[in-house]
PDB file of N, CA and C in Angstrom:
ATOM      1  N   MET A   1      77.363 -44.813 -76.914  1.00  0.00           N
ATOM      2  CA  MET A   1      76.132 -46.133 -76.162  1.00  0.00           C
ATOM      3  C   MET A   1      75.106 -45.179 -77.105  1.00  0.00           C
ATOM      4  N   GLU A   2      75.159 -46.843 -77.754  1.00  0.00           N
ATOM      5  CA  GLU A   2      73.352 -47.287 -78.828  1.00  0.00           C
ATOM      6  C   GLU A   2      72.856 -47.644 -78.396  1.00  0.00           C
ATOM      7  N   LEU A   3      71.568 -47.556 -78.487  1.00  0.00           N
ATOM      8  CA  LEU A   3      70.518 -48.757 -78.051  1.00  0.00           C
ATOM      9  C   LEU A   3      70.457 -49.920 -78.571  1.00  0.00           C
ATOM     10  N   ARG A   4      71.116 -50.383 -79.959  1.00  0.00           N
ATOM     11  CA  ARG A   4      72.016 -50.863 -80.986  1.00  0.00           C
ATOM     12  C   ARG A   4      72.989 -52.266 -80.194  1.00  0.00           C
ATOM     13  N   GLN A   5      73.470 -51.314 -79.039  1.00  0.00           N
ATOM     14  CA  GLN A   5      74.402 -51.915 -78.608  1.00  0.00           C
ATOM     15  C   GLN A   5      74.336 -52.599 -76.869  1.00  0.00           C
ATOM     16  N   LEU A   6      73.008 -51.964 -76.749  1.00  0.00           N
ATOM     17  CA  LEU A   6      72.510 -52.574 -75.216  1.00  0.00           C
ATOM     18  C   LEU A   6      71.234 -54.289 -76.097  1.00  0.00           C
ATOM     19  N   ARG A   7      70.831 -53.830 -76.554  1.00  0.00           N
ATOM     20  CA  ARG A   7      70.547 -54.634 -77.294  1.00  0.00           C
ATOM     21  C   ARG A   7      71.351 -56.552 -77.535  1.00  0.00           C
ATOM     22  N   TYR A   8      72.007 -56.222 -77.664  1.00  0.00           N
ATOM     23  CA  TYR A   8      73.311 -56.488 -77.938  1.00  0.00           C
ATOM     24  C   TYR A   8      73.844 -57.426 -76.768  1.00  0.00           C
ATOM     25  N   PHE A   9      74.268 -56.442 -75.372  1.00  0.00           N
ATOM     26  CA  PHE A   9      74.602 -56.677 -74.562  1.00  0.00           C
ATOM     27  C   PHE A   9      73.949 -57.682 -73.265  1.00  0.00           C
ATOM     28  N   LEU A  10      72.174 -57.356 -73.978  1.00  0.00           N
ATOM     29  CA  LEU A  10      70.928 -57.821 -73.511  1.00  0.00           C
ATOM     30  C   LEU A  10      71.133 -59.309 -73.788  1.00  0.00           C
ATOM     31  N   LYS A  11      71.083 -59.935 -75.248  1.00  0.00           N
ATOM     32  CA  LYS A  11      70.861 -61.256 -75.170  1.00  0.00           C
ATOM     33  C   LYS A  11      72.267 -62.241 -75.480  1.00  0.00           C
ATOM     34  N   ALA A  12      73.344 -61.186 -75.041  1.00  0.00           N
ATOM     35  CA  ALA A  12      74.738 -62.570 -74.685  1.00  0.00           C
ATOM     36  C   ALA A  12      74.103 -62.124 -73.496  1.00  0.00           C
ATOM     37  N   THR A  13      73.730 -61.257 -72.354  1.00  0.00           N
ATOM     38  CA  THR A  13      73.711 -61.765 -70.262  1.00  0.00           C
ATOM     39  C   THR A  13      72.582 -63.119 -70.837  1.00  0.00           C
ATOM     40  N   GLU A  14      71.543 -63.296 -71.674  1.00  0.00           N
ATOM     41  CA  GLU A  14      70.307 -64.096 -71.686  1.00  0.00           C
ATOM     42  C   GLU A  14      70.605 -65.077 -71.844  1.00  0.00           C
ATOM     43  N   LEU A  15      71.582 -65.708 -73.287  1.00  0.00           N
ATOM     44  CA  LEU A  15      72.332 -67.031 -73.406  1.00  0.00           C
ATOM     45  C   LEU A  15      73.951 -67.076 -73.127  1.00  0.00           C
ATOM     46  N   LEU A  16      74.334 -65.876 -72.780  1.00  0.00           N
ATOM     47  CA  LEU A  16      76.395 -66.059 -71.844  1.00  0.00           C
ATOM     48  C   LEU A  16      76.839 -66.779 -73.142  1.00  0.00           C
ATOM     49  N   ASN A  17      76.106 -66.510 -74.204  1.00  0.00           N
ATOM     50  CA  ASN A  17      76.571 -67.380 -75.623  1.00  0.00           C
ATOM     51  C   ASN A  17      77.320 -66.648 -76.523  1.00  0.00           C
ATOM     52  N   PHE A  18      78.206 -65.958 -77.090  1.00  0.00           N
ATOM     53  CA  PHE A  18      78.310 -65.353 -78.413  1.00  0.00           C
ATOM     54  C   PHE A  18      77.984 -65.325 -79.605  1.00  0.00           C
ATOM     55  N   THR A  19      78.126 -66.836 -79.529  1.00  0.00           N
ATOM     56  CA  THR A  19      77.535 -66.916 -81.085  1.00  0.00           C
ATOM     57  C   THR A  19      76.192 -67.682 -81.496  1.00  0.00           C
ATOM     58  N   GLU A  20      75.481 -68.046 -79.794  1.00  0.00           N
ATOM     59  CA  GLU A  20      74.367 -68.004 -79.913  1.00  0.00           C
ATOM     60  C   GLU A  20      72.924 -67.461 -79.965  1.00  0.00           C
ATOM     61  N   ALA A  21      73.647 -65.602 -79.155  1.00  0.00           N
ATOM     62  CA  ALA A  21      72.899 -65.022 -79.429  1.00  0.00           C
ATOM     63  C   ALA A  21      73.565 -63.617 -80.317  1.00  0.00           C
ATOM     64  N   ALA A  22      74.397 -63.649 -81.656  1.00  0.00           N
ATOM     65  CA  ALA A  22      74.714 -63.545 -82.514  1.00  0.00           C
ATOM     66  C   ALA A  22      73.699 -63.883 -83.560  1.00  0.00           C
ATOM     67  N   LYS A  23      73.296 -65.725 -83.752  1.00  0.00           N
ATOM     68  CA  LYS A  23      72.550 -66.299 -84.794  1.00  0.00           C
ATOM     69  C   LYS A  23      70.705 -65.941 -84.228  1.00  0.00           C
ATOM     70  N   GLN A  24      70.655 -65.603 -83.109  1.00  0.00           N
ATOM     71  CA  GLN A  24      69.618 -65.007 -82.541  1.00  0.00           C
ATOM     72  C   GLN A  24      68.969 -63.587 -83.011  1.00  0.00           C
ATOM     73  N   LEU A  25      70.412 -62.925 -83.085  1.00  0.00           N
ATOM     74  CA  LEU A  25      70.517 -61.491 -83.992  1.00  0.00           C
ATOM     75  C   LEU A  25      70.126 -61.193 -84.983  1.00  0.00           C
ATOM     76  N   TYR A  26      70.731 -62.618 -85.570  1.00  0.00           N
ATOM     77  CA  TYR A  26      71.240 -61.948 -87.070  1.00  0.00           C
ATOM     78  C   TYR A  26      72.199 -61.283 -87.598  1.00  0.00           C
ATOM     79  N   ILE A  27      73.408 -61.376 -86.696  1.00  0.00           N
ATOM     80  CA  ILE A  27      74.344 -60.402 -87.438  1.00  0.00           C
ATOM     81  C   ILE A  27      75.232 -61.662 -86.449  1.00  0.00           C
ATOM     82  N   THR A  28      76.656 -61.222 -87.351  1.00  0.00           N
ATOM     83  CA  THR A  28      78.027 -62.586 -87.463  1.00  0.00           C
ATOM     84  C   THR A  28      78.490 -61.896 -85.551  1.00  0.00           C
ATOM     85  N   GLN A  29      78.917 -62.856 -85.063  1.00  0.00           N
ATOM     86  CA  GLN A  29      79.813 -63.401 -84.295  1.00  0.00           C
ATOM     87  C   GLN A  29      80.662 -62.349 -83.896  1.00  0.00           C
ATOM     88  N   SER A  30      81.242 -61.730 -84.606  1.00  0.00           N
ATOM     89  CA  SER A  30      82.543 -60.519 -84.668  1.00  0.00           C
ATOM     90  C   SER A  30      82.201 -59.456 -84.602  1.00  0.00           C
ATOM     91  N   THR A  31      80.792 -59.072 -85.673  1.00  0.00           N
ATOM     92  CA  THR A  31      80.109 -57.901 -85.244  1.00  0.00           C
ATOM     93  C   THR A  31      79.532 -58.093 -83.561  1.00  0.00           C
ATOM     94  N   LEU A  32      78.587 -59.009 -83.112  1.00  0.00           N
ATOM     95  CA  LEU A  32      78.339 -58.942 -81.730  1.00  0.00           C
ATOM     96  C   LEU A  32      79.067 -58.609 -81.077  1.00  0.00           C
ATOM     97  N   SER A  33      81.269 -59.371 -80.600  1.00  0.00           N
ATOM     98  CA  SER A  33      82.121 -59.403 -79.394  1.00  0.00           C
ATOM     99  C   SER A  33      82.262 -57.445 -80.582  1.00  0.00           C
ATOM    100  N   GLN A  34      82.478 -57.204 -81.737  1.00  0.00           N
ATOM    101  CA  GLN A  34      83.328 -55.455 -81.428  1.00  0.00           C
ATOM    102  C   GLN A  34      82.034 -54.883 -80.731  1.00  0.00           C
ATOM    103  N   GLN A  35      80.989 -54.975 -80.503  1.00  0.00           N
ATOM    104  CA  GLN A  35      79.998 -53.548 -80.242  1.00  0.00           C
ATOM    105  C   GLN A  35      80.203 -54.258 -79.210  1.00  0.00           C
ATOM    106  N   ILE A  36      80.197 -55.006 -78.319  1.00  0.00           N
ATOM    107  CA  ILE A  36      80.608 -55.446 -76.762  1.00  0.00           C
ATOM    108  C   ILE A  36      81.425 -55.268 -76.232  1.00  0.00           C
ATOM    109  N   LYS A  37      82.955 -55.356 -77.237  1.00  0.00           N
ATOM    110  CA  LYS A  37      84.181 -54.757 -77.389  1.00  0.00           C
ATOM    111  C   LYS A  37      84.064 -52.677 -76.895  1.00  0.00           C
ATOM    112  N   GLN A  38      82.828 -51.781 -78.393  1.00  0.00           N
ATOM    113  CA  GLN A  38      83.264 -51.391 -77.587  1.00  0.00           C
ATOM    114  C   GLN A  38      82.625 -49.675 -76.213  1.00  0.00           C
ATOM    115  N   LEU A  39      81.402 -51.153 -76.219  1.00  0.00           N
ATOM    116  CA  LEU A  39      80.704 -50.431 -75.217  1.00  0.00           C
ATOM    117  C   LEU A  39      81.201 -50.652 -74.545  1.00  0.00           C
ATOM    118  N   GLU A  40      82.595 -51.337 -73.414  1.00  0.00           N
ATOM    119  CA  GLU A  40      83.259 -52.275 -72.505  1.00  0.00           C
ATOM    120  C   GLU A  40      84.493 -50.995 -72.607  1.00  0.00           C
ATOM    121  N   THR A  41      84.452 -50.688 -73.704  1.00  0.00           N
ATOM    122  CA  THR A  41      85.428 -49.195 -73.949  1.00  0.00           C
ATOM    123  C   THR A  41      85.210 -48.015 -73.501  1.00  0.00           C
ATOM    124  N   GLU A  42      83.948 -47.702 -73.993  1.00  0.00           N
ATOM    125  CA  GLU A  42      82.924 -46.538 -73.104  1.00  0.00           C
ATOM    126  C   GLU A  42      82.368 -46.495 -72.023  1.00  0.00           C
ATOM    127  N   LEU A  43      82.736 -47.457 -71.578  1.00  0.00           N
ATOM    128  CA  LEU A  43      81.954 -47.811 -70.284  1.00  0.00           C
ATOM    129  C   LEU A  43      83.217 -47.715 -69.551  1.00  0.00           C
ATOM    130  N   ASN A  44      84.377 -48.427 -69.989  1.00  0.00           N
ATOM    131  CA  ASN A  44      85.776 -48.296 -69.243  1.00  0.00           C
ATOM    132  C   ASN A  44      86.029 -49.847 -67.645  1.00  0.00           C
ATOM    133  N   VAL A  45      84.393 -50.615 -68.171  1.00  0.00           N
ATOM    134  CA  VAL A  45      84.400 -51.635 -67.472  1.00  0.00           C
ATOM    135  C   VAL A  45      84.647 -52.565 -68.463  1.00  0.00           C
ATOM    136  N   LEU A  46      85.174 -54.175 -67.762  1.00  0.00           N
ATOM    137  CA  LEU A  46      84.274 -54.700 -68.743  1.00  0.00           C
ATOM    138  C   LEU A  46      83.096 -55.856 -68.529  1.00  0.00           C
ATOM    139  N   LEU A  47      82.186 -56.290 -69.027  1.00  0.00           N
ATOM    140  CA  LEU A  47      80.779 -56.150 -68.719  1.00  0.00           C
ATOM    141  C   LEU A  47      80.688 -57.802 -68.793  1.00  0.00           C
ATOM    142  N   PHE A  48      81.709 -58.819 -69.400  1.00  0.00           N
ATOM    143  CA  PHE A  48      82.035 -60.084 -69.354  1.00  0.00           C
ATOM    144  C   PHE A  48      83.476 -60.168 -69.753  1.00  0.00           C
ATOM    145  N   ASP A  49      83.509 -61.766 -68.761  1.00  0.00           N
ATOM    146  CA  ASP A  49      84.863 -62.355 -68.722  1.00  0.00           C
ATOM    147  C   ASP A  49      84.712 -63.836 -69.873  1.00  0.00           C
ATOM    148  N   ARG A  50      85.339 -63.590 -71.122  1.00  0.00           N
ATOM    149  CA  ARG A  50      85.284 -64.585 -71.626  1.00  0.00           C
ATOM    150  C   ARG A  50      86.712 -65.544 -71.659  1.00  0.00           C
ATOM    151  N   ILE A  51      85.816 -66.764 -71.391  1.00  0.00           N
ATOM    152  CA  ILE A  51      86.665 -68.281 -71.017  1.00  0.00           C
ATOM    153  C   ILE A  51      86.741 -68.979 -72.828  1.00  0.00           C
ATOM    154  N   GLY A  52      87.217 -68.596 -73.707  1.00  0.00           N
ATOM    155  CA  GLY A  52      86.815 -70.187 -74.730  1.00  0.00           C
ATOM    156  C   GLY A  52      85.517 -69.371 -74.976  1.00  0.00           C
ATOM    157  N   LYS A  53      84.865 -70.041 -75.557  1.00  0.00           N
ATOM    158  CA  LYS A  53      83.439 -70.447 -76.348  1.00  0.00           C
ATOM    159  C   LYS A  53      82.515 -69.603 -75.063  1.00  0.00           C
ATOM    160  N   LYS A  54      82.352 -69.808 -73.451  1.00  0.00           N
ATOM    161  CA  LYS A  54      82.453 -69.283 -73.189  1.00  0.00           C
ATOM    162  C   LYS A  54      81.568 -67.852 -72.497  1.00  0.00           C
ATOM    163  N   VAL A  55      80.793 -67.258 -72.112  1.00  0.00           N
ATOM    164  CA  VAL A  55      81.524 -65.463 -71.243  1.00  0.00           C
ATOM    165  C   VAL A  55      80.772 -65.421 -70.192  1.00  0.00           C
ATOM    166  N   TYR A  56      80.846 -64.930 -69.046  1.00  0.00           N
ATOM    167  CA  TYR A  56      80.403 -65.040 -67.809  1.00  0.00           C
ATOM    168  C   TYR A  56      80.432 -63.422 -67.489  1.00  0.00           C
ATOM    169  N   LEU A  57      78.892 -63.597 -66.855  1.00  0.00           N
ATOM    170  CA  LEU A  57      79.280 -61.285 -66.537  1.00  0.00           C
ATOM    171  C   LEU A  57      79.950 -60.771 -65.880  1.00  0.00           C
ATOM    172  N   THR A  58      80.455 -60.086 -65.637  1.00  0.00           N
ATOM    173  CA  THR A  58      81.727 -59.728 -64.546  1.00  0.00           C
ATOM    174  C   THR A  58      80.547 -58.607 -63.235  1.00  0.00           C
ATOM    175  N   GLU A  59      80.964 -58.173 -61.920  1.00  0.00           N
ATOM    176  CA  GLU A  59      80.317 -57.744 -61.703  1.00  0.00           C
ATOM    177  C   GLU A  59      79.401 -56.851 -61.819  1.00  0.00           C
ATOM    178  N   ALA A  60      80.764 -55.998 -62.484  1.00  0.00           N
ATOM    179  CA  ALA A  60      80.540 -54.450 -63.492  1.00  0.00           C
ATOM    180  C   ALA A  60      78.853 -54.716 -64.333  1.00  0.00           C
ATOM    181  N   GLY A  61      79.293 -55.620 -64.938  1.00  0.00           N
ATOM    182  CA  GLY A  61      77.716 -56.510 -65.713  1.00  0.00           C
ATOM    183  C   GLY A  61      76.412 -56.807 -65.285  1.00  0.00           C
ATOM    184  N   THR A  62      76.966 -57.133 -64.074  1.00  0.00           N
ATOM    185  CA  THR A  62      75.550 -57.203 -63.563  1.00  0.00           C
ATOM    186  C   THR A  62      75.289 -56.592 -63.132  1.00  0.00           C
ATOM    187  N   GLU A  63      75.255 -54.740 -62.536  1.00  0.00           N
ATOM    188  CA  GLU A  63      74.906 -53.946 -62.487  1.00  0.00           C
ATOM    189  C   GLU A  63      74.870 -53.268 -63.790  1.00  0.00           C
ATOM    190  N   PHE A  64      75.055 -53.264 -64.361  1.00  0.00           N
ATOM    191  CA  PHE A  64      74.910 -52.776 -65.621  1.00  0.00           C
ATOM    192  C   PHE A  64      73.548 -52.989 -65.688  1.00  0.00           C
ATOM    193  N   LEU A  65      73.208 -54.865 -65.732  1.00  0.00           N
ATOM    194  CA  LEU A  65      72.344 -55.416 -66.646  1.00  0.00           C
ATOM    195  C   LEU A  65      70.822 -54.039 -66.210  1.00  0.00           C
ATOM    196  N   PRO A  66      70.757 -54.062 -65.529  1.00  0.00           N
ATOM    197  CA  PRO A  66      69.536 -53.053 -64.532  1.00  0.00           C
ATOM    198  C   PRO A  66      69.442 -51.918 -65.865  1.00  0.00           C
ATOM    199  N   PHE A  67      69.776 -50.674 -66.220  1.00  0.00           N
ATOM    200  CA  PHE A  67      70.609 -50.117 -66.907  1.00  0.00           C
ATOM    201  C   PHE A  67      70.064 -50.187 -67.999  1.00  0.00           C
ATOM    202  N   ALA A  68      70.423 -51.269 -68.884  1.00  0.00           N
ATOM    203  CA  ALA A  68      70.520 -51.549 -69.990  1.00  0.00           C
ATOM    204  C   ALA A  68      68.766 -52.761 -70.534  1.00  0.00           C
ATOM    205  N   LYS A  69      68.399 -52.955 -69.090  1.00  0.00           N
ATOM    206  CA  LYS A  69      66.903 -53.629 -69.260  1.00  0.00           C
ATOM    207  C   LYS A  69      65.821 -52.169 -69.928  1.00  0.00           C
ATOM    208  N   GLN A  70      66.124 -51.346 -68.445  1.00  0.00           N
ATOM    209  CA  GLN A  70      65.622 -50.356 -68.565  1.00  0.00           C
ATOM    210  C   GLN A  70      65.275 -49.122 -69.751  1.00  0.00           C
ATOM    211  N   THR A  71      66.800 -49.152 -70.045  1.00  0.00           N
ATOM    212  CA  THR A  71      66.439 -48.871 -71.475  1.00  0.00           C
ATOM    213  C   THR A  71      65.953 -48.958 -72.326  1.00  0.00           C
ATOM    214  N   VAL A  72      66.400 -49.852 -72.602  1.00  0.00           N
ATOM    215  CA  VAL A  72      65.603 -51.188 -73.907  1.00  0.00           C
ATOM    216  C   VAL A  72      64.197 -51.226 -73.862  1.00  0.00           C
ATOM    217  N   PHE A  73      64.001 -51.203 -72.933  1.00  0.00           N
ATOM    218  CA  PHE A  73      62.142 -51.081 -72.357  1.00  0.00           C
ATOM    219  C   PHE A  73      61.901 -50.014 -72.428  1.00  0.00           C
ATOM    220  N   ASP A  74      62.477 -48.760 -71.754  1.00  0.00           N
ATOM    221  CA  ASP A  74      61.635 -46.893 -72.251  1.00  0.00           C
ATOM    222  C   ASP A  74      62.455 -46.816 -73.784  1.00  0.00           C
ATOM    223  N   ALA A  75      62.747 -47.180 -74.837  1.00  0.00           N
ATOM    224  CA  ALA A  75      62.490 -46.280 -76.204  1.00  0.00           C
ATOM    225  C   ALA A  75      61.815 -47.461 -77.154  1.00  0.00           C
ATOM    226  N   ASP A  76      61.929 -49.323 -76.413  1.00  0.00           N
ATOM    227  CA  ASP A  76      60.466 -49.685 -76.704  1.00  0.00           C
ATOM    228  C   ASP A  76      59.296 -49.119 -77.233  1.00  0.00           C
TER     229      ASP A  76
END
């Protein structure tokens, strides 16, 4: 798990739209999707339900959110 992935996760949870999150992060949507997928693989849980262009936080994603926020806060 990398700090960058946590930042990407937080932006995606804020906007619930990978395309818009990627724009605000100045990366491609495919890069964002790939990094989120790697994070999910490492954690062995789905953090988002993907339905078309919309994404929704899963229960696991909701539980992971405070950890991600605290980790990024501590790193900053």
